[in-house]
mmCIF file of all heavy atoms, coordinates in Angstrom:
data_MODEL
# 
_entry.id   MODEL 
# 
loop_
_atom_site.group_PDB 
_atom_site.id 
_atom_site.type_symbol 
_atom_site.label_atom_id 
_atom_site.label_alt_id 
_atom_site.label_comp_id 
_atom_site.label_asym_id 
_atom_site.label_entity_id 
_atom_site.label_seq_id 
_atom_site.pdbx_PDB_ins_code 
_atom_site.Cartn_x 
_atom_site.Cartn_y 
_atom_site.Cartn_z 
_atom_site.occupancy 
_atom_site.B_iso_or_equiv 
_atom_site.pdbx_formal_charge 
_atom_site.auth_seq_id 
_atom_site.auth_comp_id 
_atom_site.auth_asym_id 
_atom_site.auth_atom_id 
_atom_site.pdbx_PDB_model_num 
ATOM 1   N N   . ASP A 1 1  ? -38.262 104.958 244.949 1.00 0.00 ? 1  ASP A N   1 
ATOM 2   C CA  . ASP A 1 1  ? -39.419 105.199 244.130 1.00 0.00 ? 1  ASP A CA  1 
ATOM 3   C C   . ASP A 1 1  ? -39.006 105.324 242.651 1.00 0.00 ? 1  ASP A C   1 
ATOM 4   O O   . ASP A 1 1  ? -39.571 105.017 241.689 1.00 0.00 ? 1  ASP A O   1 
ATOM 5   C CB  . ASP A 1 1  ? -40.251 106.280 244.541 1.00 0.00 ? 1  ASP A CB  1 
ATOM 6   C CG  . ASP A 1 1  ? -41.661 106.174 243.810 1.00 0.00 ? 1  ASP A CG  1 
ATOM 7   O OD1 . ASP A 1 1  ? -42.217 105.111 243.816 1.00 0.00 ? 1  ASP A OD1 1 
ATOM 8   O OD2 . ASP A 1 1  ? -41.998 107.216 243.081 1.00 0.00 ? 1  ASP A OD2 1 
ATOM 9   N N   . GLN A 1 2  ? -37.743 105.850 242.424 1.00 0.00 ? 2  GLN A N   1 
ATOM 10  C CA  . GLN A 1 2  ? -37.179 105.972 241.089 1.00 0.00 ? 2  GLN A CA  1 
ATOM 11  C C   . GLN A 1 2  ? -36.602 104.669 240.673 1.00 0.00 ? 2  GLN A C   1 
ATOM 12  O O   . GLN A 1 2  ? -36.598 104.362 239.513 1.00 0.00 ? 2  GLN A O   1 
ATOM 13  C CB  . GLN A 1 2  ? -36.171 107.152 241.031 1.00 0.00 ? 2  GLN A CB  1 
ATOM 14  C CG  . GLN A 1 2  ? -36.728 108.452 241.297 1.00 0.00 ? 2  GLN A CG  1 
ATOM 15  C CD  . GLN A 1 2  ? -35.652 109.634 241.728 1.00 0.00 ? 2  GLN A CD  1 
ATOM 16  O OE1 . GLN A 1 2  ? -34.805 109.264 242.384 1.00 0.00 ? 2  GLN A OE1 1 
ATOM 17  N NE2 . GLN A 1 2  ? -36.000 110.817 241.201 1.00 0.00 ? 2  GLN A NE2 1 
ATOM 18  N N   . ILE A 1 3  ? -35.950 103.984 241.544 1.00 0.00 ? 3  ILE A N   1 
ATOM 19  C CA  . ILE A 1 3  ? -35.442 102.693 241.259 1.00 0.00 ? 3  ILE A CA  1 
ATOM 20  C C   . ILE A 1 3  ? -36.475 101.711 240.893 1.00 0.00 ? 3  ILE A C   1 
ATOM 21  O O   . ILE A 1 3  ? -36.439 100.912 239.888 1.00 0.00 ? 3  ILE A O   1 
ATOM 22  C CB  . ILE A 1 3  ? -34.617 102.016 242.416 1.00 0.00 ? 3  ILE A CB  1 
ATOM 23  C CG1 . ILE A 1 3  ? -33.465 103.007 242.801 1.00 0.00 ? 3  ILE A CG1 1 
ATOM 24  C CG2 . ILE A 1 3  ? -34.176 100.658 242.178 1.00 0.00 ? 3  ILE A CG2 1 
ATOM 25  C CD1 . ILE A 1 3  ? -32.765 102.755 244.107 1.00 0.00 ? 3  ILE A CD1 1 
ATOM 26  N N   . ILE A 1 4  ? -37.653 101.707 241.732 1.00 0.00 ? 4  ILE A N   1 
ATOM 27  C CA  . ILE A 1 4  ? -38.747 100.764 241.226 1.00 0.00 ? 4  ILE A CA  1 
ATOM 28  C C   . ILE A 1 4  ? -40.037 101.544 241.725 1.00 0.00 ? 4  ILE A C   1 
ATOM 29  O O   . ILE A 1 4  ? -40.344 101.617 242.930 1.00 0.00 ? 4  ILE A O   1 
ATOM 30  C CB  . ILE A 1 4  ? -38.659 99.329  241.895 1.00 0.00 ? 4  ILE A CB  1 
ATOM 31  C CG1 . ILE A 1 4  ? -39.878 98.572  241.534 1.00 0.00 ? 4  ILE A CG1 1 
ATOM 32  C CG2 . ILE A 1 4  ? -38.560 99.408  243.408 1.00 0.00 ? 4  ILE A CG2 1 
ATOM 33  C CD1 . ILE A 1 4  ? -39.868 98.018  240.005 1.00 0.00 ? 4  ILE A CD1 1 
ATOM 34  N N   . PRO A 1 5  ? -40.745 102.124 240.734 1.00 0.00 ? 5  PRO A N   1 
ATOM 35  C CA  . PRO A 1 5  ? -41.924 102.919 241.117 1.00 0.00 ? 5  PRO A CA  1 
ATOM 36  C C   . PRO A 1 5  ? -42.919 102.125 241.928 1.00 0.00 ? 5  PRO A C   1 
ATOM 37  O O   . PRO A 1 5  ? -43.182 100.882 241.725 1.00 0.00 ? 5  PRO A O   1 
ATOM 38  C CB  . PRO A 1 5  ? -42.559 103.362 239.699 1.00 0.00 ? 5  PRO A CB  1 
ATOM 39  C CG  . PRO A 1 5  ? -41.333 103.279 238.810 1.00 0.00 ? 5  PRO A CG  1 
ATOM 40  C CD  . PRO A 1 5  ? -40.469 102.214 239.323 1.00 0.00 ? 5  PRO A CD  1 
ATOM 41  N N   . ALA A 1 6  ? -43.654 102.870 242.697 1.00 0.00 ? 6  ALA A N   1 
ATOM 42  C CA  . ALA A 1 6  ? -44.619 102.191 243.782 1.00 0.00 ? 6  ALA A CA  1 
ATOM 43  C C   . ALA A 1 6  ? -45.620 101.288 243.100 1.00 0.00 ? 6  ALA A C   1 
ATOM 44  O O   . ALA A 1 6  ? -46.140 100.252 243.752 1.00 0.00 ? 6  ALA A O   1 
ATOM 45  C CB  . ALA A 1 6  ? -45.330 103.262 244.611 1.00 0.00 ? 6  ALA A CB  1 
ATOM 46  N N   . ARG A 1 7  ? -46.045 101.645 241.902 1.00 0.00 ? 7  ARG A N   1 
ATOM 47  C CA  . ARG A 1 7  ? -47.211 100.929 241.258 1.00 0.00 ? 7  ARG A CA  1 
ATOM 48  C C   . ARG A 1 7  ? -46.788 99.420  240.941 1.00 0.00 ? 7  ARG A C   1 
ATOM 49  O O   . ARG A 1 7  ? -47.596 98.535  240.680 1.00 0.00 ? 7  ARG A O   1 
ATOM 50  C CB  . ARG A 1 7  ? -47.589 101.558 239.976 1.00 0.00 ? 7  ARG A CB  1 
ATOM 51  C CG  . ARG A 1 7  ? -46.615 101.729 238.917 1.00 0.00 ? 7  ARG A CG  1 
ATOM 52  C CD  . ARG A 1 7  ? -47.057 102.559 237.649 1.00 0.00 ? 7  ARG A CD  1 
ATOM 53  N NE  . ARG A 1 7  ? -46.130 102.839 236.663 1.00 0.00 ? 7  ARG A NE  1 
ATOM 54  C CZ  . ARG A 1 7  ? -45.184 103.667 236.695 1.00 0.00 ? 7  ARG A CZ  1 
ATOM 55  N NH1 . ARG A 1 7  ? -45.057 104.600 237.704 1.00 0.00 ? 7  ARG A NH1 1 
ATOM 56  N NH2 . ARG A 1 7  ? -44.462 103.832 235.694 1.00 0.00 ? 7  ARG A NH2 1 
ATOM 57  N N   . TYR A 1 8  ? -45.469 99.140  241.046 1.00 0.00 ? 8  TYR A N   1 
ATOM 58  C CA  . TYR A 1 8  ? -44.971 97.784  240.846 1.00 0.00 ? 8  TYR A CA  1 
ATOM 59  C C   . TYR A 1 8  ? -44.749 96.985  242.094 1.00 0.00 ? 8  TYR A C   1 
ATOM 60  O O   . TYR A 1 8  ? -44.155 95.947  242.034 1.00 0.00 ? 8  TYR A O   1 
ATOM 61  C CB  . TYR A 1 8  ? -43.728 97.785  239.932 1.00 0.00 ? 8  TYR A CB  1 
ATOM 62  C CG  . TYR A 1 8  ? -43.886 98.440  238.629 1.00 0.00 ? 8  TYR A CG  1 
ATOM 63  C CD1 . TYR A 1 8  ? -43.278 99.664  238.317 1.00 0.00 ? 8  TYR A CD1 1 
ATOM 64  C CD2 . TYR A 1 8  ? -44.739 97.966  237.702 1.00 0.00 ? 8  TYR A CD2 1 
ATOM 65  C CE1 . TYR A 1 8  ? -43.389 100.352 237.151 1.00 0.00 ? 8  TYR A CE1 1 
ATOM 66  C CE2 . TYR A 1 8  ? -44.953 98.492  236.495 1.00 0.00 ? 8  TYR A CE2 1 
ATOM 67  C CZ  . TYR A 1 8  ? -44.323 99.759  236.178 1.00 0.00 ? 8  TYR A CZ  1 
ATOM 68  O OH  . TYR A 1 8  ? -44.437 100.324 234.996 1.00 0.00 ? 8  TYR A OH  1 
ATOM 69  N N   . LEU A 1 9  ? -45.138 97.592  243.292 1.00 0.00 ? 9  LEU A N   1 
ATOM 70  C CA  . LEU A 1 9  ? -44.839 96.942  244.571 1.00 0.00 ? 9  LEU A CA  1 
ATOM 71  C C   . LEU A 1 9  ? -45.947 96.004  245.026 1.00 0.00 ? 9  LEU A C   1 
ATOM 72  O O   . LEU A 1 9  ? -45.994 95.681  246.110 1.00 0.00 ? 9  LEU A O   1 
ATOM 73  C CB  . LEU A 1 9  ? -44.624 98.034  245.643 1.00 0.00 ? 9  LEU A CB  1 
ATOM 74  C CG  . LEU A 1 9  ? -43.507 99.065  245.277 1.00 0.00 ? 9  LEU A CG  1 
ATOM 75  C CD1 . LEU A 1 9  ? -43.348 99.918  246.400 1.00 0.00 ? 9  LEU A CD1 1 
ATOM 76  C CD2 . LEU A 1 9  ? -42.214 98.372  244.896 1.00 0.00 ? 9  LEU A CD2 1 
ATOM 77  N N   . LYS A 1 10 ? -46.802 95.506  244.156 1.00 0.00 ? 10 LYS A N   1 
ATOM 78  C CA  . LYS A 1 10 ? -47.841 94.709  244.549 1.00 0.00 ? 10 LYS A CA  1 
ATOM 79  C C   . LYS A 1 10 ? -47.435 93.271  244.744 1.00 0.00 ? 10 LYS A C   1 
ATOM 80  O O   . LYS A 1 10 ? -48.131 92.353  245.232 1.00 0.00 ? 10 LYS A O   1 
ATOM 81  C CB  . LYS A 1 10 ? -49.035 94.627  243.460 1.00 0.00 ? 10 LYS A CB  1 
ATOM 82  C CG  . LYS A 1 10 ? -49.693 96.032  243.278 1.00 0.00 ? 10 LYS A CG  1 
ATOM 83  C CD  . LYS A 1 10 ? -50.605 96.132  242.212 1.00 0.00 ? 10 LYS A CD  1 
ATOM 84  C CE  . LYS A 1 10 ? -51.129 97.554  242.083 1.00 0.00 ? 10 LYS A CE  1 
ATOM 85  N NZ  . LYS A 1 10 ? -51.646 97.756  240.811 1.00 0.00 ? 10 LYS A NZ  1 
ATOM 86  N N   . THR A 1 11 ? -46.318 92.839  244.364 1.00 0.00 ? 11 THR A N   1 
ATOM 87  C CA  . THR A 1 11 ? -45.751 91.576  244.505 1.00 0.00 ? 11 THR A CA  1 
ATOM 88  C C   . THR A 1 11 ? -45.008 91.284  245.744 1.00 0.00 ? 11 THR A C   1 
ATOM 89  O O   . THR A 1 11 ? -44.356 92.307  246.276 1.00 0.00 ? 11 THR A O   1 
ATOM 90  C CB  . THR A 1 11 ? -44.859 91.188  243.287 1.00 0.00 ? 11 THR A CB  1 
ATOM 91  O OG1 . THR A 1 11 ? -44.371 89.823  243.412 1.00 0.00 ? 11 THR A OG1 1 
ATOM 92  C CG2 . THR A 1 11 ? -43.688 92.052  243.187 1.00 0.00 ? 11 THR A CG2 1 
ATOM 93  N N   . THR A 1 12 ? -45.002 90.099  246.235 1.00 0.00 ? 12 THR A N   1 
ATOM 94  C CA  . THR A 1 12 ? -44.140 89.761  247.443 1.00 0.00 ? 12 THR A CA  1 
ATOM 95  C C   . THR A 1 12 ? -43.057 88.836  247.029 1.00 0.00 ? 12 THR A C   1 
ATOM 96  O O   . THR A 1 12 ? -42.317 88.272  247.859 1.00 0.00 ? 12 THR A O   1 
ATOM 97  C CB  . THR A 1 12 ? -44.989 89.103  248.549 1.00 0.00 ? 12 THR A CB  1 
ATOM 98  O OG1 . THR A 1 12 ? -45.752 88.013  248.002 1.00 0.00 ? 12 THR A OG1 1 
ATOM 99  C CG2 . THR A 1 12 ? -46.027 90.114  249.112 1.00 0.00 ? 12 THR A CG2 1 
ATOM 100 N N   . GLU A 1 13 ? -42.881 88.722  245.651 1.00 0.00 ? 13 GLU A N   1 
ATOM 101 C CA  . GLU A 1 13 ? -41.952 87.827  245.154 1.00 0.00 ? 13 GLU A CA  1 
ATOM 102 C C   . GLU A 1 13 ? -40.690 88.672  244.737 1.00 0.00 ? 13 GLU A C   1 
ATOM 103 O O   . GLU A 1 13 ? -40.930 89.774  244.268 1.00 0.00 ? 13 GLU A O   1 
ATOM 104 C CB  . GLU A 1 13 ? -42.388 87.016  243.837 1.00 0.00 ? 13 GLU A CB  1 
ATOM 105 C CG  . GLU A 1 13 ? -43.483 86.164  244.075 1.00 0.00 ? 13 GLU A CG  1 
ATOM 106 C CD  . GLU A 1 13 ? -43.126 84.892  244.929 1.00 0.00 ? 13 GLU A CD  1 
ATOM 107 O OE1 . GLU A 1 13 ? -42.043 84.463  244.764 1.00 0.00 ? 13 GLU A OE1 1 
ATOM 108 O OE2 . GLU A 1 13 ? -43.938 84.467  245.780 1.00 0.00 ? 13 GLU A OE2 1 
ATOM 109 N N   . SER A 1 14 ? -39.521 88.109  244.843 1.00 0.00 ? 14 SER A N   1 
ATOM 110 C CA  . SER A 1 14 ? -38.323 88.944  244.505 1.00 0.00 ? 14 SER A CA  1 
ATOM 111 C C   . SER A 1 14 ? -38.011 88.804  243.142 1.00 0.00 ? 14 SER A C   1 
ATOM 112 O O   . SER A 1 14 ? -36.962 89.491  242.650 1.00 0.00 ? 14 SER A O   1 
ATOM 113 C CB  . SER A 1 14 ? -37.170 88.365  245.411 1.00 0.00 ? 14 SER A CB  1 
ATOM 114 O OG  . SER A 1 14 ? -36.881 87.095  245.126 1.00 0.00 ? 14 SER A OG  1 
ATOM 115 N N   . THR A 1 15 ? -38.721 88.063  242.344 1.00 0.00 ? 15 THR A N   1 
ATOM 116 C CA  . THR A 1 15 ? -38.332 87.885  240.849 1.00 0.00 ? 15 THR A CA  1 
ATOM 117 C C   . THR A 1 15 ? -39.322 88.750  240.022 1.00 0.00 ? 15 THR A C   1 
ATOM 118 O O   . THR A 1 15 ? -40.410 89.159  240.430 1.00 0.00 ? 15 THR A O   1 
ATOM 119 C CB  . THR A 1 15 ? -38.506 86.421  240.517 1.00 0.00 ? 15 THR A CB  1 
ATOM 120 O OG1 . THR A 1 15 ? -39.842 85.949  240.795 1.00 0.00 ? 15 THR A OG1 1 
ATOM 121 C CG2 . THR A 1 15 ? -37.569 85.532  241.254 1.00 0.00 ? 15 THR A CG2 1 
ATOM 122 N N   . GLY A 1 16 ? -38.785 88.981  238.819 1.00 0.00 ? 16 GLY A N   1 
ATOM 123 C CA  . GLY A 1 16 ? -39.689 89.620  237.880 1.00 0.00 ? 16 GLY A CA  1 
ATOM 124 C C   . GLY A 1 16 ? -39.744 91.135  237.859 1.00 0.00 ? 16 GLY A C   1 
ATOM 125 O O   . GLY A 1 16 ? -40.348 91.767  237.047 1.00 0.00 ? 16 GLY A O   1 
ATOM 126 N N   . LEU A 1 17 ? -38.962 91.771  238.617 1.00 0.00 ? 17 LEU A N   1 
ATOM 127 C CA  . LEU A 1 17 ? -38.965 93.243  238.775 1.00 0.00 ? 17 LEU A CA  1 
ATOM 128 C C   . LEU A 1 17 ? -37.933 93.882  237.894 1.00 0.00 ? 17 LEU A C   1 
ATOM 129 O O   . LEU A 1 17 ? -37.931 95.104  237.815 1.00 0.00 ? 17 LEU A O   1 
ATOM 130 C CB  . LEU A 1 17 ? -38.693 93.733  240.229 1.00 0.00 ? 17 LEU A CB  1 
ATOM 131 C CG  . LEU A 1 17 ? -39.995 93.370  241.141 1.00 0.00 ? 17 LEU A CG  1 
ATOM 132 C CD1 . LEU A 1 17 ? -39.696 93.723  242.539 1.00 0.00 ? 17 LEU A CD1 1 
ATOM 133 C CD2 . LEU A 1 17 ? -41.342 94.056  240.691 1.00 0.00 ? 17 LEU A CD2 1 
ATOM 134 N N   . GLY A 1 18 ? -36.922 93.111  237.346 1.00 0.00 ? 18 GLY A N   1 
ATOM 135 C CA  . GLY A 1 18 ? -35.799 93.743  236.550 1.00 0.00 ? 18 GLY A CA  1 
ATOM 136 C C   . GLY A 1 18 ? -36.253 94.493  235.410 1.00 0.00 ? 18 GLY A C   1 
ATOM 137 O O   . GLY A 1 18 ? -35.736 95.619  234.949 1.00 0.00 ? 18 GLY A O   1 
ATOM 138 N N   . GLU A 1 19 ? -37.415 94.098  234.786 1.00 0.00 ? 19 GLU A N   1 
ATOM 139 C CA  . GLU A 1 19 ? -37.878 94.827  233.641 1.00 0.00 ? 19 GLU A CA  1 
ATOM 140 C C   . GLU A 1 19 ? -38.482 96.206  233.970 1.00 0.00 ? 19 GLU A C   1 
ATOM 141 O O   . GLU A 1 19 ? -38.650 97.123  233.103 1.00 0.00 ? 19 GLU A O   1 
ATOM 142 C CB  . GLU A 1 19 ? -39.012 94.059  232.958 1.00 0.00 ? 19 GLU A CB  1 
ATOM 143 C CG  . GLU A 1 19 ? -38.477 93.017  231.954 1.00 0.00 ? 19 GLU A CG  1 
ATOM 144 C CD  . GLU A 1 19 ? -37.526 93.543  230.820 1.00 0.00 ? 19 GLU A CD  1 
ATOM 145 O OE1 . GLU A 1 19 ? -38.088 94.432  230.213 1.00 0.00 ? 19 GLU A OE1 1 
ATOM 146 O OE2 . GLU A 1 19 ? -36.487 92.995  230.733 1.00 0.00 ? 19 GLU A OE2 1 
ATOM 147 N N   . ARG A 1 20 ? -38.886 96.404  235.275 1.00 0.00 ? 20 ARG A N   1 
ATOM 148 C CA  . ARG A 1 20 ? -39.456 97.524  235.706 1.00 0.00 ? 20 ARG A CA  1 
ATOM 149 C C   . ARG A 1 20 ? -38.352 98.490  236.443 1.00 0.00 ? 20 ARG A C   1 
ATOM 150 O O   . ARG A 1 20 ? -38.813 99.538  236.945 1.00 0.00 ? 20 ARG A O   1 
ATOM 151 C CB  . ARG A 1 20 ? -40.630 97.344  236.678 1.00 0.00 ? 20 ARG A CB  1 
ATOM 152 C CG  . ARG A 1 20 ? -41.732 96.605  235.922 1.00 0.00 ? 20 ARG A CG  1 
ATOM 153 C CD  . ARG A 1 20 ? -42.383 97.511  234.913 1.00 0.00 ? 20 ARG A CD  1 
ATOM 154 N NE  . ARG A 1 20 ? -42.787 96.676  233.800 1.00 0.00 ? 20 ARG A NE  1 
ATOM 155 C CZ  . ARG A 1 20 ? -42.866 97.125  232.537 1.00 0.00 ? 20 ARG A CZ  1 
ATOM 156 N NH1 . ARG A 1 20 ? -42.317 98.323  232.139 1.00 0.00 ? 20 ARG A NH1 1 
ATOM 157 N NH2 . ARG A 1 20 ? -43.337 96.395  231.581 1.00 0.00 ? 20 ARG A NH2 1 
ATOM 158 N N   . LEU A 1 21 ? -37.159 98.075  236.507 1.00 0.00 ? 21 LEU A N   1 
ATOM 159 C CA  . LEU A 1 21 ? -36.123 98.955  237.051 1.00 0.00 ? 21 LEU A CA  1 
ATOM 160 C C   . LEU A 1 21 ? -36.049 100.317 236.448 1.00 0.00 ? 21 LEU A C   1 
ATOM 161 O O   . LEU A 1 21 ? -35.930 100.396 235.169 1.00 0.00 ? 21 LEU A O   1 
ATOM 162 C CB  . LEU A 1 21 ? -34.795 98.153  237.011 1.00 0.00 ? 21 LEU A CB  1 
ATOM 163 C CG  . LEU A 1 21 ? -33.608 98.847  237.529 1.00 0.00 ? 21 LEU A CG  1 
ATOM 164 C CD1 . LEU A 1 21 ? -33.628 99.085  239.119 1.00 0.00 ? 21 LEU A CD1 1 
ATOM 165 C CD2 . LEU A 1 21 ? -32.244 98.251  237.104 1.00 0.00 ? 21 LEU A CD2 1 
ATOM 166 N N   . PHE A 1 22 ? -36.160 101.312 237.116 1.00 0.00 ? 22 PHE A N   1 
ATOM 167 C CA  . PHE A 1 22 ? -36.081 102.685 236.625 1.00 0.00 ? 22 PHE A CA  1 
ATOM 168 C C   . PHE A 1 22 ? -37.095 102.921 235.500 1.00 0.00 ? 22 PHE A C   1 
ATOM 169 O O   . PHE A 1 22 ? -36.963 103.652 234.525 1.00 0.00 ? 22 PHE A O   1 
ATOM 170 C CB  . PHE A 1 22 ? -34.720 103.113 236.032 1.00 0.00 ? 22 PHE A CB  1 
ATOM 171 C CG  . PHE A 1 22 ? -33.615 103.100 237.127 1.00 0.00 ? 22 PHE A CG  1 
ATOM 172 C CD1 . PHE A 1 22 ? -32.562 102.105 236.948 1.00 0.00 ? 22 PHE A CD1 1 
ATOM 173 C CD2 . PHE A 1 22 ? -33.548 103.904 238.097 1.00 0.00 ? 22 PHE A CD2 1 
ATOM 174 C CE1 . PHE A 1 22 ? -31.552 102.035 237.883 1.00 0.00 ? 22 PHE A CE1 1 
ATOM 175 C CE2 . PHE A 1 22 ? -32.524 103.874 239.101 1.00 0.00 ? 22 PHE A CE2 1 
ATOM 176 C CZ  . PHE A 1 22 ? -31.550 102.789 238.884 1.00 0.00 ? 22 PHE A CZ  1 
ATOM 177 N N   . ALA A 1 23 ? -38.300 102.238 235.735 1.00 0.00 ? 23 ALA A N   1 
ATOM 178 C CA  . ALA A 1 23 ? -39.350 102.185 234.662 1.00 0.00 ? 23 ALA A CA  1 
ATOM 179 C C   . ALA A 1 23 ? -39.738 103.732 234.243 1.00 0.00 ? 23 ALA A C   1 
ATOM 180 O O   . ALA A 1 23 ? -39.841 103.918 232.948 1.00 0.00 ? 23 ALA A O   1 
ATOM 181 C CB  . ALA A 1 23 ? -40.595 101.579 235.111 1.00 0.00 ? 23 ALA A CB  1 
ATOM 182 N N   . ASP A 1 24 ? -39.781 104.643 235.068 1.00 0.00 ? 24 ASP A N   1 
ATOM 183 C CA  . ASP A 1 24 ? -40.194 105.967 234.573 1.00 0.00 ? 24 ASP A CA  1 
ATOM 184 C C   . ASP A 1 24 ? -38.995 106.710 233.886 1.00 0.00 ? 24 ASP A C   1 
ATOM 185 O O   . ASP A 1 24 ? -39.340 107.847 233.219 1.00 0.00 ? 24 ASP A O   1 
ATOM 186 C CB  . ASP A 1 24 ? -40.724 106.775 235.886 1.00 0.00 ? 24 ASP A CB  1 
ATOM 187 C CG  . ASP A 1 24 ? -41.962 106.281 236.481 1.00 0.00 ? 24 ASP A CG  1 
ATOM 188 O OD1 . ASP A 1 24 ? -42.696 105.579 235.725 1.00 0.00 ? 24 ASP A OD1 1 
ATOM 189 O OD2 . ASP A 1 24 ? -42.278 106.601 237.615 1.00 0.00 ? 24 ASP A OD2 1 
ATOM 190 N N   . TRP A 1 25 ? -37.859 106.350 233.997 1.00 0.00 ? 25 TRP A N   1 
ATOM 191 C CA  . TRP A 1 25 ? -36.827 106.890 233.245 1.00 0.00 ? 25 TRP A CA  1 
ATOM 192 C C   . TRP A 1 25 ? -36.488 106.102 231.963 1.00 0.00 ? 25 TRP A C   1 
ATOM 193 O O   . TRP A 1 25 ? -35.981 106.685 231.064 1.00 0.00 ? 25 TRP A O   1 
ATOM 194 C CB  . TRP A 1 25 ? -35.520 106.908 234.114 1.00 0.00 ? 25 TRP A CB  1 
ATOM 195 C CG  . TRP A 1 25 ? -35.639 107.858 235.336 1.00 0.00 ? 25 TRP A CG  1 
ATOM 196 C CD1 . TRP A 1 25 ? -36.602 108.623 235.585 1.00 0.00 ? 25 TRP A CD1 1 
ATOM 197 C CD2 . TRP A 1 25 ? -34.631 108.002 236.452 1.00 0.00 ? 25 TRP A CD2 1 
ATOM 198 N NE1 . TRP A 1 25 ? -36.370 109.304 236.830 1.00 0.00 ? 25 TRP A NE1 1 
ATOM 199 C CE2 . TRP A 1 25 ? -35.209 108.931 237.310 1.00 0.00 ? 25 TRP A CE2 1 
ATOM 200 C CE3 . TRP A 1 25 ? -33.412 107.401 236.603 1.00 0.00 ? 25 TRP A CE3 1 
ATOM 201 C CZ2 . TRP A 1 25 ? -34.410 109.335 238.383 1.00 0.00 ? 25 TRP A CZ2 1 
ATOM 202 C CZ3 . TRP A 1 25 ? -32.706 107.840 237.816 1.00 0.00 ? 25 TRP A CZ3 1 
ATOM 203 C CH2 . TRP A 1 25 ? -33.226 108.612 238.687 1.00 0.00 ? 25 TRP A CH2 1 
ATOM 204 N N   . ARG A 1 26 ? -36.638 104.721 232.039 1.00 0.00 ? 26 ARG A N   1 
ATOM 205 C CA  . ARG A 1 26 ? -36.354 103.935 230.900 1.00 0.00 ? 26 ARG A CA  1 
ATOM 206 C C   . ARG A 1 26 ? -37.332 103.879 229.817 1.00 0.00 ? 26 ARG A C   1 
ATOM 207 O O   . ARG A 1 26 ? -36.892 103.621 228.661 1.00 0.00 ? 26 ARG A O   1 
ATOM 208 C CB  . ARG A 1 26 ? -36.155 102.514 231.420 1.00 0.00 ? 26 ARG A CB  1 
ATOM 209 C CG  . ARG A 1 26 ? -34.830 102.148 232.140 1.00 0.00 ? 26 ARG A CG  1 
ATOM 210 C CD  . ARG A 1 26 ? -34.784 100.770 232.668 1.00 0.00 ? 26 ARG A CD  1 
ATOM 211 N NE  . ARG A 1 26 ? -34.838 99.733  231.734 1.00 0.00 ? 26 ARG A NE  1 
ATOM 212 C CZ  . ARG A 1 26 ? -35.208 98.455  231.963 1.00 0.00 ? 26 ARG A CZ  1 
ATOM 213 N NH1 . ARG A 1 26 ? -35.443 98.035  233.106 1.00 0.00 ? 26 ARG A NH1 1 
ATOM 214 N NH2 . ARG A 1 26 ? -35.081 97.561  230.941 1.00 0.00 ? 26 ARG A NH2 1 
ATOM 215 N N   . TYR A 1 27 ? -38.549 104.118 230.115 1.00 0.00 ? 27 TYR A N   1 
ATOM 216 C CA  . TYR A 1 27 ? -39.640 104.124 229.080 1.00 0.00 ? 27 TYR A CA  1 
ATOM 217 C C   . TYR A 1 27 ? -40.367 105.346 228.971 1.00 0.00 ? 27 TYR A C   1 
ATOM 218 O O   . TYR A 1 27 ? -40.672 106.147 229.973 1.00 0.00 ? 27 TYR A O   1 
ATOM 219 C CB  . TYR A 1 27 ? -40.631 102.984 229.435 1.00 0.00 ? 27 TYR A CB  1 
ATOM 220 C CG  . TYR A 1 27 ? -39.919 101.663 229.712 1.00 0.00 ? 27 TYR A CG  1 
ATOM 221 C CD1 . TYR A 1 27 ? -39.767 101.111 230.969 1.00 0.00 ? 27 TYR A CD1 1 
ATOM 222 C CD2 . TYR A 1 27 ? -39.463 100.909 228.656 1.00 0.00 ? 27 TYR A CD2 1 
ATOM 223 C CE1 . TYR A 1 27 ? -39.062 99.886  231.169 1.00 0.00 ? 27 TYR A CE1 1 
ATOM 224 C CE2 . TYR A 1 27 ? -38.780 99.701  228.793 1.00 0.00 ? 27 TYR A CE2 1 
ATOM 225 C CZ  . TYR A 1 27 ? -38.696 99.216  230.163 1.00 0.00 ? 27 TYR A CZ  1 
ATOM 226 O OH  . TYR A 1 27 ? -38.114 97.991  230.280 1.00 0.00 ? 27 TYR A OH  1 
ATOM 227 N N   . GLY A 1 28 ? -40.822 105.688 227.800 1.00 0.00 ? 28 GLY A N   1 
ATOM 228 C CA  . GLY A 1 28 ? -41.626 106.807 227.544 1.00 0.00 ? 28 GLY A CA  1 
ATOM 229 C C   . GLY A 1 28 ? -43.108 106.588 227.891 1.00 0.00 ? 28 GLY A C   1 
ATOM 230 O O   . GLY A 1 28 ? -43.507 105.397 228.249 1.00 0.00 ? 28 GLY A O   1 
# 
């Protein structure tokens, strides 16, 4: 959940998640 927060799990595609990696730590 720290690697990819649950709110970004709506997709079944393996692409497009890199921008959300560690989102709660990377962004204010």
